[in-house]
Amino acid sequence: MSEASIVTIVVAIIGGTAGITGGALAYRQAWIARRENRQERLEARLARAERDNRLLWLWSRRLVDHIYRGQQPPPPEAPAGLFEDTAQRKDIPT
């Protein structure tokens, strides 16, 4: 083998190794980005669930008070915002 072909082989090996390493780093960064996005979506779901829980408690409290006071129908209306986001969301599996 000539010296030029050995240099070519070494350069190819170094280039291939650099390419594989770069690909692995890019894959890792993409995985981290997907994971962070998942965390943001879960935090948003938790915030919506906590808000809905507070509003449902408020409505339940109003209904109980209405019944115990012996008031006539109609019952109290649901709090504003309780049923705002009833559309199917992509982050909730069906």
PDB file of N, CA and C in Angstrom:
ATOM      1  N   MET A   1       0.835  -1.183   0.000  1.00  0.00           N
ATOM      2  CA  MET A   1       0.000   0.000   0.000  1.00  0.00           C
ATOM      3  C   MET A   1       0.870   1.232   0.000  1.00  0.00           C
ATOM      4  N   SER A   2       0.380   2.177  -0.716  1.00  0.00           N
ATOM      5  CA  SER A   2       1.138   3.420  -0.774  1.00  0.00           C
ATOM      6  C   SER A   2       0.751   4.318   0.397  1.00  0.00           C
ATOM      7  N   GLU A   3       1.609   5.270   0.616  1.00  0.00           N
ATOM      8  CA  GLU A   3       1.386   6.199   1.724  1.00  0.00           C
ATOM      9  C   GLU A   3       0.132   7.033   1.510  1.00  0.00           C
ATOM     10  N   ALA A   4      -0.212   7.383   0.292  1.00  0.00           N
ATOM     11  CA  ALA A   4      -1.386   8.186  -0.024  1.00  0.00           C
ATOM     12  C   ALA A   4      -2.672   7.427   0.285  1.00  0.00           C
ATOM     13  N   SER A   5      -2.698   6.120   0.005  1.00  0.00           N
ATOM     14  CA  SER A   5      -3.908   5.344   0.270  1.00  0.00           C
ATOM     15  C   SER A   5      -4.115   5.155   1.776  1.00  0.00           C
ATOM     16  N   ILE A   6      -3.029   5.054   2.536  1.00  0.00           N
ATOM     17  CA  ILE A   6      -3.145   4.939   3.994  1.00  0.00           C
ATOM     18  C   ILE A   6      -3.705   6.235   4.575  1.00  0.00           C
ATOM     19  N   VAL A   7      -3.220   7.358   4.069  1.00  0.00           N
ATOM     20  CA  VAL A   7      -3.717   8.658   4.523  1.00  0.00           C
ATOM     21  C   VAL A   7      -5.201   8.789   4.180  1.00  0.00           C
ATOM     22  N   THR A   8      -5.602   8.350   3.019  1.00  0.00           N
ATOM     23  CA  THR A   8      -7.002   8.414   2.601  1.00  0.00           C
ATOM     24  C   THR A   8      -7.877   7.558   3.514  1.00  0.00           C
ATOM     25  N   ILE A   9      -7.396   6.381   3.860  1.00  0.00           N
ATOM     26  CA  ILE A   9      -8.151   5.484   4.740  1.00  0.00           C
ATOM     27  C   ILE A   9      -8.277   6.100   6.131  1.00  0.00           C
ATOM     28  N   VAL A  10      -7.211   6.667   6.661  1.00  0.00           N
ATOM     29  CA  VAL A  10      -7.246   7.293   7.984  1.00  0.00           C
ATOM     30  C   VAL A  10      -8.206   8.477   7.982  1.00  0.00           C
ATOM     31  N   VAL A  11      -8.161   9.288   6.933  1.00  0.00           N
ATOM     32  CA  VAL A  11      -9.065  10.439   6.834  1.00  0.00           C
ATOM     33  C   VAL A  11     -10.509   9.959   6.758  1.00  0.00           C
ATOM     34  N   ALA A  12     -10.782   8.894   6.023  1.00  0.00           N
ATOM     35  CA  ALA A  12     -12.128   8.343   5.923  1.00  0.00           C
ATOM     36  C   ALA A  12     -12.609   7.816   7.276  1.00  0.00           C
ATOM     37  N   ILE A  13     -11.732   7.145   8.002  1.00  0.00           N
ATOM     38  CA  ILE A  13     -12.102   6.629   9.326  1.00  0.00           C
ATOM     39  C   ILE A  13     -12.419   7.782  10.282  1.00  0.00           C
ATOM     40  N   ILE A  14     -11.569   8.801  10.271  1.00  0.00           N
ATOM     41  CA  ILE A  14     -11.805   9.961  11.142  1.00  0.00           C
ATOM     42  C   ILE A  14     -13.105  10.659  10.748  1.00  0.00           C
ATOM     43  N   GLY A  15     -13.339  10.827   9.461  1.00  0.00           N
ATOM     44  CA  GLY A  15     -14.576  11.464   8.994  1.00  0.00           C
ATOM     45  C   GLY A  15     -15.810  10.651   9.353  1.00  0.00           C
ATOM     46  N   GLY A  16     -15.725   9.344   9.204  1.00  0.00           N
ATOM     47  CA  GLY A  16     -16.853   8.480   9.562  1.00  0.00           C
ATOM     48  C   GLY A  16     -17.155   8.532  11.049  1.00  0.00           C
ATOM     49  N   THR A  17     -16.095   8.507  11.852  1.00  0.00           N
ATOM     50  CA  THR A  17     -16.270   8.593  13.298  1.00  0.00           C
ATOM     51  C   THR A  17     -16.899   9.931  13.685  1.00  0.00           C
ATOM     52  N   ALA A  18     -16.438  11.003  13.071  1.00  0.00           N
ATOM     53  CA  ALA A  18     -17.003  12.327  13.357  1.00  0.00           C
ATOM     54  C   ALA A  18     -18.473  12.383  12.930  1.00  0.00           C
ATOM     55  N   GLY A  19     -18.800  11.773  11.794  1.00  0.00           N
ATOM     56  CA  GLY A  19     -20.186  11.753  11.330  1.00  0.00           C
ATOM     57  C   GLY A  19     -21.097  10.976  12.273  1.00  0.00           C
ATOM     58  N   ILE A  20     -20.639   9.829  12.710  1.00  0.00           N
ATOM     59  CA  ILE A  20     -21.438   9.017  13.639  1.00  0.00           C
ATOM     60  C   ILE A  20     -21.616   9.753  14.969  1.00  0.00           C
ATOM     61  N   THR A  21     -20.556  10.372  15.467  1.00  0.00           N
ATOM     62  CA  THR A  21     -20.637  11.124  16.715  1.00  0.00           C
ATOM     63  C   THR A  21     -21.595  12.303  16.572  1.00  0.00           C
ATOM     64  N   GLY A  22     -21.495  13.025  15.482  1.00  0.00           N
ATOM     65  CA  GLY A  22     -22.401  14.154  15.232  1.00  0.00           C
ATOM     66  C   GLY A  22     -23.849  13.709  15.141  1.00  0.00           C
ATOM     67  N   GLY A  23     -24.091  12.592  14.474  1.00  0.00           N
ATOM     68  CA  GLY A  23     -25.450  12.058  14.389  1.00  0.00           C
ATOM     69  C   GLY A  23     -25.996  11.666  15.750  1.00  0.00           C
ATOM     70  N   ALA A  24     -25.151  11.040  16.563  1.00  0.00           N
ATOM     71  CA  ALA A  24     -25.582  10.637  17.907  1.00  0.00           C
ATOM     72  C   ALA A  24     -25.902  11.861  18.761  1.00  0.00           C
ATOM     73  N   LEU A  25     -25.095  12.899  18.672  1.00  0.00           N
ATOM     74  CA  LEU A  25     -25.364  14.124  19.431  1.00  0.00           C
ATOM     75  C   LEU A  25     -26.650  14.802  18.958  1.00  0.00           C
ATOM     76  N   ALA A  26     -26.876  14.822  17.651  1.00  0.00           N
ATOM     77  CA  ALA A  26     -28.111  15.415  17.122  1.00  0.00           C
ATOM     78  C   ALA A  26     -29.332  14.635  17.591  1.00  0.00           C
ATOM     79  N   TYR A  27     -29.240  13.311  17.593  1.00  0.00           N
ATOM     80  CA  TYR A  27     -30.343  12.484  18.063  1.00  0.00           C
ATOM     81  C   TYR A  27     -30.619  12.754  19.542  1.00  0.00           C
ATOM     82  N   ARG A  28     -29.566  12.862  20.327  1.00  0.00           N
ATOM     83  CA  ARG A  28     -29.730  13.125  21.763  1.00  0.00           C
ATOM     84  C   ARG A  28     -30.399  14.471  22.005  1.00  0.00           C
ATOM     85  N   GLN A  29     -30.000  15.493  21.261  1.00  0.00           N
ATOM     86  CA  GLN A  29     -30.611  16.816  21.421  1.00  0.00           C
ATOM     87  C   GLN A  29     -32.086  16.792  21.024  1.00  0.00           C
ATOM     88  N   ALA A  30     -32.417  16.070  19.967  1.00  0.00           N
ATOM     89  CA  ALA A  30     -33.812  15.947  19.552  1.00  0.00           C
ATOM     90  C   ALA A  30     -34.621  15.214  20.618  1.00  0.00           C
ATOM     91  N   TRP A  31     -34.065  14.193  21.208  1.00  0.00           N
ATOM     92  CA  TRP A  31     -34.746  13.443  22.257  1.00  0.00           C
ATOM     93  C   TRP A  31     -35.005  14.326  23.475  1.00  0.00           C
ATOM     94  N   ILE A  32     -34.009  15.129  23.841  1.00  0.00           N
ATOM     95  CA  ILE A  32     -34.168  16.047  24.972  1.00  0.00           C
ATOM     96  C   ILE A  32     -35.252  17.068  24.674  1.00  0.00           C
ATOM     97  N   ALA A  33     -35.289  17.594  23.457  1.00  0.00           N
ATOM     98  CA  ALA A  33     -36.312  18.582  23.091  1.00  0.00           C
ATOM     99  C   ALA A  33     -37.706  17.970  23.159  1.00  0.00           C
ATOM    100  N   ARG A  34     -37.863  16.734  22.685  1.00  0.00           N
ATOM    101  CA  ARG A  34     -39.168  16.074  22.766  1.00  0.00           C
ATOM    102  C   ARG A  34     -39.572  15.849  24.215  1.00  0.00           C
ATOM    103  N   ARG A  35     -38.628  15.473  25.026  1.00  0.00           N
ATOM    104  CA  ARG A  35     -38.909  15.222  26.432  1.00  0.00           C
ATOM    105  C   ARG A  35     -39.321  16.502  27.150  1.00  0.00           C
ATOM    106  N   GLU A  36     -38.646  17.601  26.856  1.00  0.00           N
ATOM    107  CA  GLU A  36     -38.997  18.883  27.473  1.00  0.00           C
ATOM    108  C   GLU A  36     -40.379  19.326  27.033  1.00  0.00           C
ATOM    109  N   ASN A  37     -40.711  19.129  25.768  1.00  0.00           N
ATOM    110  CA  ASN A  37     -42.029  19.490  25.279  1.00  0.00           C
ATOM    111  C   ASN A  37     -43.087  18.671  25.999  1.00  0.00           C
ATOM    112  N   ARG A  38     -42.806  17.408  26.251  1.00  0.00           N
ATOM    113  CA  ARG A  38     -43.753  16.555  26.978  1.00  0.00           C
ATOM    114  C   ARG A  38     -43.963  17.094  28.379  1.00  0.00           C
ATOM    115  N   GLN A  39     -42.899  17.523  29.005  1.00  0.00           N
ATOM    116  CA  GLN A  39     -43.018  18.067  30.352  1.00  0.00           C
ATOM    117  C   GLN A  39     -43.870  19.331  30.347  1.00  0.00           C
ATOM    118  N   GLU A  40     -43.694  20.195  29.358  1.00  0.00           N
ATOM    119  CA  GLU A  40     -44.505  21.413  29.261  1.00  0.00           C
ATOM    120  C   GLU A  40     -45.974  21.067  29.071  1.00  0.00           C
ATOM    121  N   ARG A  41     -46.256  20.059  28.234  1.00  0.00           N
ATOM    122  CA  ARG A  41     -47.649  19.659  28.009  1.00  0.00           C
ATOM    123  C   ARG A  41     -48.260  19.087  29.286  1.00  0.00           C
ATOM    124  N   LEU A  42     -47.477  18.295  30.021  1.00  0.00           N
ATOM    125  CA  LEU A  42     -47.987  17.739  31.276  1.00  0.00           C
ATOM    126  C   LEU A  42     -48.238  18.829  32.308  1.00  0.00           C
ATOM    127  N   GLU A  43     -47.365  19.829  32.354  1.00  0.00           N
ATOM    128  CA  GLU A  43     -47.573  20.943  33.279  1.00  0.00           C
ATOM    129  C   GLU A  43     -48.833  21.721  32.910  1.00  0.00           C
ATOM    130  N   ALA A  44     -49.081  21.899  31.615  1.00  0.00           N
ATOM    131  CA  ALA A  44     -50.296  22.596  31.181  1.00  0.00           C
ATOM    132  C   ALA A  44     -51.538  21.790  31.549  1.00  0.00           C
ATOM    133  N   ARG A  45     -51.484  20.459  31.365  1.00  0.00           N
ATOM    134  CA  ARG A  45     -52.622  19.609  31.756  1.00  0.00           C
ATOM    135  C   ARG A  45     -52.870  19.696  33.247  1.00  0.00           C
ATOM    136  N   LEU A  46     -51.821  19.697  34.041  1.00  0.00           N
ATOM    137  CA  LEU A  46     -51.962  19.787  35.487  1.00  0.00           C
ATOM    138  C   LEU A  46     -52.590  21.124  35.878  1.00  0.00           C
ATOM    139  N   ALA A  47     -52.155  22.198  35.253  1.00  0.00           N
ATOM    140  CA  ALA A  47     -52.720  23.515  35.554  1.00  0.00           C
ATOM    141  C   ALA A  47     -54.209  23.550  35.216  1.00  0.00           C
ATOM    142  N   ARG A  48     -54.598  22.965  34.060  1.00  0.00           N
ATOM    143  CA  ARG A  48     -56.016  22.920  33.694  1.00  0.00           C
ATOM    144  C   ARG A  48     -56.808  22.070  34.679  1.00  0.00           C
ATOM    145  N   ALA A  49     -56.240  20.956  35.092  1.00  0.00           N
ATOM    146  CA  ALA A  49     -56.926  20.079  36.036  1.00  0.00           C
ATOM    147  C   ALA A  49     -57.118  20.771  37.387  1.00  0.00           C
ATOM    148  N   GLU A  50     -56.113  21.489  37.848  1.00  0.00           N
ATOM    149  CA  GLU A  50     -56.234  22.206  39.114  1.00  0.00           C
ATOM    150  C   GLU A  50     -57.277  23.311  39.013  1.00  0.00           C
ATOM    151  N   ARG A  51     -57.292  24.027  37.890  1.00  0.00           N
ATOM    152  CA  ARG A  51     -58.295  25.079  37.690  1.00  0.00           C
ATOM    153  C   ARG A  51     -59.695  24.476  37.670  1.00  0.00           C
ATOM    154  N   ASP A  52     -59.873  23.391  36.917  1.00  0.00           N
ATOM    155  CA  ASP A  52     -61.180  22.737  36.855  1.00  0.00           C
ATOM    156  C   ASP A  52     -61.595  22.221  38.221  1.00  0.00           C
ATOM    157  N   ASN A  53     -60.657  21.702  38.987  1.00  0.00           N
ATOM    158  CA  ASN A  53     -60.959  21.208  40.328  1.00  0.00           C
ATOM    159  C   ASN A  53     -61.467  22.339  41.223  1.00  0.00           C
ATOM    160  N   ARG A  54     -60.810  23.487  41.177  1.00  0.00           N
ATOM    161  CA  ARG A  54     -61.258  24.630  41.983  1.00  0.00           C
ATOM    162  C   ARG A  54     -62.651  25.082  41.564  1.00  0.00           C
ATOM    163  N   LEU A  55     -62.902  25.152  40.256  1.00  0.00           N
ATOM    164  CA  LEU A  55     -64.206  25.591  39.769  1.00  0.00           C
ATOM    165  C   LEU A  55     -65.300  24.580  40.107  1.00  0.00           C
ATOM    166  N   LEU A  56     -64.992  23.295  40.009  1.00  0.00           N
ATOM    167  CA  LEU A  56     -65.982  22.282  40.379  1.00  0.00           C
ATOM    168  C   LEU A  56     -66.295  22.338  41.873  1.00  0.00           C
ATOM    169  N   TRP A  57     -65.271  22.571  42.691  1.00  0.00           N
ATOM    170  CA  TRP A  57     -65.515  22.706  44.127  1.00  0.00           C
ATOM    171  C   TRP A  57     -66.420  23.900  44.400  1.00  0.00           C
ATOM    172  N   LEU A  58     -66.146  25.021  43.741  1.00  0.00           N
ATOM    173  CA  LEU A  58     -66.959  26.221  43.925  1.00  0.00           C
ATOM    174  C   LEU A  58     -68.414  25.951  43.531  1.00  0.00           C
ATOM    175  N   TRP A  59     -68.618  25.305  42.410  1.00  0.00           N
ATOM    176  CA  TRP A  59     -69.973  25.011  41.944  1.00  0.00           C
ATOM    177  C   TRP A  59     -70.665  24.037  42.906  1.00  0.00           C
ATOM    178  N   SER A  60     -69.951  23.021  43.350  1.00  0.00           N
ATOM    179  CA  SER A  60     -70.525  22.069  44.310  1.00  0.00           C
ATOM    180  C   SER A  60     -70.927  22.783  45.596  1.00  0.00           C
ATOM    181  N   ARG A  61     -70.081  23.684  46.055  1.00  0.00           N
ATOM    182  CA  ARG A  61     -70.388  24.436  47.275  1.00  0.00           C
ATOM    183  C   ARG A  61     -71.654  25.265  47.079  1.00  0.00           C
ATOM    184  N   ARG A  62     -71.790  25.904  45.926  1.00  0.00           N
ATOM    185  CA  ARG A  62     -72.994  26.696  45.638  1.00  0.00           C
ATOM    186  C   ARG A  62     -74.235  25.811  45.584  1.00  0.00           C
ATOM    187  N   LEU A  63     -74.110  24.630  44.962  1.00  0.00           N
ATOM    188  CA  LEU A  63     -75.255  23.723  44.882  1.00  0.00           C
ATOM    189  C   LEU A  63     -75.672  23.231  46.269  1.00  0.00           C
ATOM    190  N   VAL A  64     -74.701  22.879  47.104  1.00  0.00           N
ATOM    191  CA  VAL A  64     -75.012  22.423  48.459  1.00  0.00           C
ATOM    192  C   VAL A  64     -75.689  23.544  49.241  1.00  0.00           C
ATOM    193  N   ASP A  65     -75.152  24.743  49.161  1.00  0.00           N
ATOM    194  CA  ASP A  65     -75.767  25.877  49.858  1.00  0.00           C
ATOM    195  C   ASP A  65     -77.190  26.115  49.366  1.00  0.00           C
ATOM    196  N   HIS A  66     -77.404  26.009  48.080  1.00  0.00           N
ATOM    197  CA  HIS A  66     -78.726  26.206  47.481  1.00  0.00           C
ATOM    198  C   HIS A  66     -79.714  25.186  48.045  1.00  0.00           C
ATOM    199  N   ILE A  67     -79.295  23.933  48.129  1.00  0.00           N
ATOM    200  CA  ILE A  67     -80.167  22.876  48.630  1.00  0.00           C
ATOM    201  C   ILE A  67     -80.448  23.068  50.115  1.00  0.00           C
ATOM    202  N   TYR A  68     -79.423  23.333  50.922  1.00  0.00           N
ATOM    203  CA  TYR A  68     -79.608  23.464  52.361  1.00  0.00           C
ATOM    204  C   TYR A  68     -80.457  24.678  52.728  1.00  0.00           C
ATOM    205  N   ARG A  69     -80.423  25.693  51.919  1.00  0.00           N
ATOM    206  CA  ARG A  69     -81.248  26.877  52.180  1.00  0.00           C
ATOM    207  C   ARG A  69     -82.697  26.662  51.743  1.00  0.00           C
ATOM    208  N   GLY A  70     -82.947  25.534  51.079  1.00  0.00           N
ATOM    209  CA  GLY A  70     -84.302  25.220  50.648  1.00  0.00           C
ATOM    210  C   GLY A  70     -84.787  26.101  49.514  1.00  0.00           C
ATOM    211  N   GLN A  71     -83.888  26.598  48.719  1.00  0.00           N
ATOM    212  CA  GLN A  71     -84.265  27.484  47.622  1.00  0.00           C
ATOM    213  C   GLN A  71     -84.868  26.678  46.476  1.00  0.00           C
ATOM    214  N   GLN A  72     -85.692  27.336  45.726  1.00  0.00           N
ATOM    215  CA  GLN A  72     -86.389  26.710  44.611  1.00  0.00           C
ATOM    216  C   GLN A  72     -85.499  26.699  43.365  1.00  0.00           C
ATOM    217  N   PRO A  73     -85.841  25.819  42.392  1.00  0.00           N
ATOM    218  CA  PRO A  73     -85.101  25.805  41.133  1.00  0.00           C
ATOM    219  C   PRO A  73     -85.226  27.156  40.448  1.00  0.00           C
ATOM    220  N   PRO A  74     -84.339  27.497  39.610  1.00  0.00           N
ATOM    221  CA  PRO A  74     -83.212  26.762  39.046  1.00  0.00           C
ATOM    222  C   PRO A  74     -82.001  26.797  39.978  1.00  0.00           C
ATOM    223  N   PRO A  75     -81.158  25.800  39.862  1.00  0.00           N
ATOM    224  CA  PRO A  75     -79.940  25.793  40.682  1.00  0.00           C
ATOM    225  C   PRO A  75     -78.955  26.850  40.183  1.00  0.00           C
ATOM    226  N   PRO A  76     -77.943  27.140  40.960  1.00  0.00           N
ATOM    227  CA  PRO A  76     -76.933  28.122  40.535  1.00  0.00           C
ATOM    228  C   PRO A  76     -76.245  27.687  39.238  1.00  0.00           C
ATOM    229  N   GLU A  77     -75.871  28.663  38.461  1.00  0.00           N
ATOM    230  CA  GLU A  77     -75.148  28.400  37.202  1.00  0.00           C
ATOM    231  C   GLU A  77     -73.724  27.936  37.506  1.00  0.00           C
ATOM    232  N   ALA A  78     -73.158  27.213  36.555  1.00  0.00           N
ATOM    233  CA  ALA A  78     -71.752  26.800  36.678  1.00  0.00           C
ATOM    234  C   ALA A  78     -70.862  28.032  36.610  1.00  0.00           C
ATOM    235  N   PRO A  79     -69.741  28.025  37.311  1.00  0.00           N
ATOM    236  CA  PRO A  79     -68.820  29.162  37.260  1.00  0.00           C
ATOM    237  C   PRO A  79     -68.306  29.389  35.836  1.00  0.00           C
ATOM    238  N   ALA A  80     -68.047  30.631  35.545  1.00  0.00           N
ATOM    239  CA  ALA A  80     -67.524  30.975  34.221  1.00  0.00           C
ATOM    240  C   ALA A  80     -66.170  30.298  34.018  1.00  0.00           C
ATOM    241  N   GLY A  81     -65.992  29.698  32.874  1.00  0.00           N
ATOM    242  CA  GLY A  81     -64.734  29.065  32.530  1.00  0.00           C
ATOM    243  C   GLY A  81     -64.666  27.584  32.821  1.00  0.00           C
ATOM    244  N   LEU A  82     -65.680  27.035  33.472  1.00  0.00           N
ATOM    245  CA  LEU A  82     -65.622  25.621  33.837  1.00  0.00           C
ATOM    246  C   LEU A  82     -65.673  24.711  32.619  1.00  0.00           C
ATOM    247  N   PHE A  83     -66.519  25.017  31.676  1.00  0.00           N
ATOM    248  CA  PHE A  83     -66.675  24.156  30.509  1.00  0.00           C
ATOM    249  C   PHE A  83     -66.153  24.823  29.235  1.00  0.00           C
ATOM    250  N   GLU A  84     -65.141  25.685  29.374  1.00  0.00           N
ATOM    251  CA  GLU A  84     -64.612  26.405  28.214  1.00  0.00           C
ATOM    252  C   GLU A  84     -63.857  25.504  27.251  1.00  0.00           C
ATOM    253  N   ASP A  85     -62.996  24.668  27.744  1.00  0.00           N
ATOM    254  CA  ASP A  85     -62.127  23.873  26.873  1.00  0.00           C
ATOM    255  C   ASP A  85     -62.624  22.441  26.759  1.00  0.00           C
ATOM    256  N   THR A  86     -63.814  22.279  26.222  1.00  0.00           N
ATOM    257  CA  THR A  86     -64.395  20.951  26.082  1.00  0.00           C
ATOM    258  C   THR A  86     -63.976  20.278  24.794  1.00  0.00           C
ATOM    259  N   ALA A  87     -63.285  20.977  23.897  1.00  0.00           N
ATOM    260  CA  ALA A  87     -62.829  20.374  22.650  1.00  0.00           C
ATOM    261  C   ALA A  87     -61.792  19.282  22.949  1.00  0.00           C
ATOM    262  N   GLN A  88     -61.776  18.273  22.126  1.00  0.00           N
ATOM    263  CA  GLN A  88     -60.806  17.182  22.302  1.00  0.00           C
ATOM    264  C   GLN A  88     -59.393  17.717  22.141  1.00  0.00           C
ATOM    265  N   ARG A  89     -58.540  17.399  23.101  1.00  0.00           N
ATOM    266  CA  ARG A  89     -57.156  17.865  23.047  1.00  0.00           C
ATOM    267  C   ARG A  89     -56.256  16.721  22.641  1.00  0.00           C
ATOM    268  N   LYS A  90     -55.173  17.061  21.949  1.00  0.00           N
ATOM    269  CA  LYS A  90     -54.238  16.048  21.464  1.00  0.00           C
ATOM    270  C   LYS A  90     -53.418  15.432  22.588  1.00  0.00           C
ATOM    271  N   ASP A  91     -53.274  16.156  23.698  1.00  0.00           N
ATOM    272  CA  ASP A  91     -52.426  15.647  24.774  1.00  0.00           C
ATOM    273  C   ASP A  91     -53.158  14.688  25.708  1.00  0.00           C
ATOM    274  N   ILE A  92     -54.439  14.450  25.473  1.00  0.00           N
ATOM    275  CA  ILE A  92     -55.203  13.540  26.309  1.00  0.00           C
ATOM    276  C   ILE A  92     -55.545  12.311  25.474  1.00  0.00           C
ATOM    277  N   PRO A  93     -55.035  11.144  25.839  1.00  0.00           N
ATOM    278  CA  PRO A  93     -55.334   9.954  25.041  1.00  0.00           C
ATOM    279  C   PRO A  93     -56.812   9.575  25.161  1.00  0.00           C
ATOM    280  N   THR A  94     -57.351   9.063  24.071  1.00  0.00           N
ATOM    281  CA  THR A  94     -58.761   8.661  24.072  1.00  0.00           C
ATOM    282  C   THR A  94     -58.882   7.170  24.191  1.00  0.00           C
TER     283      THR A  94
END
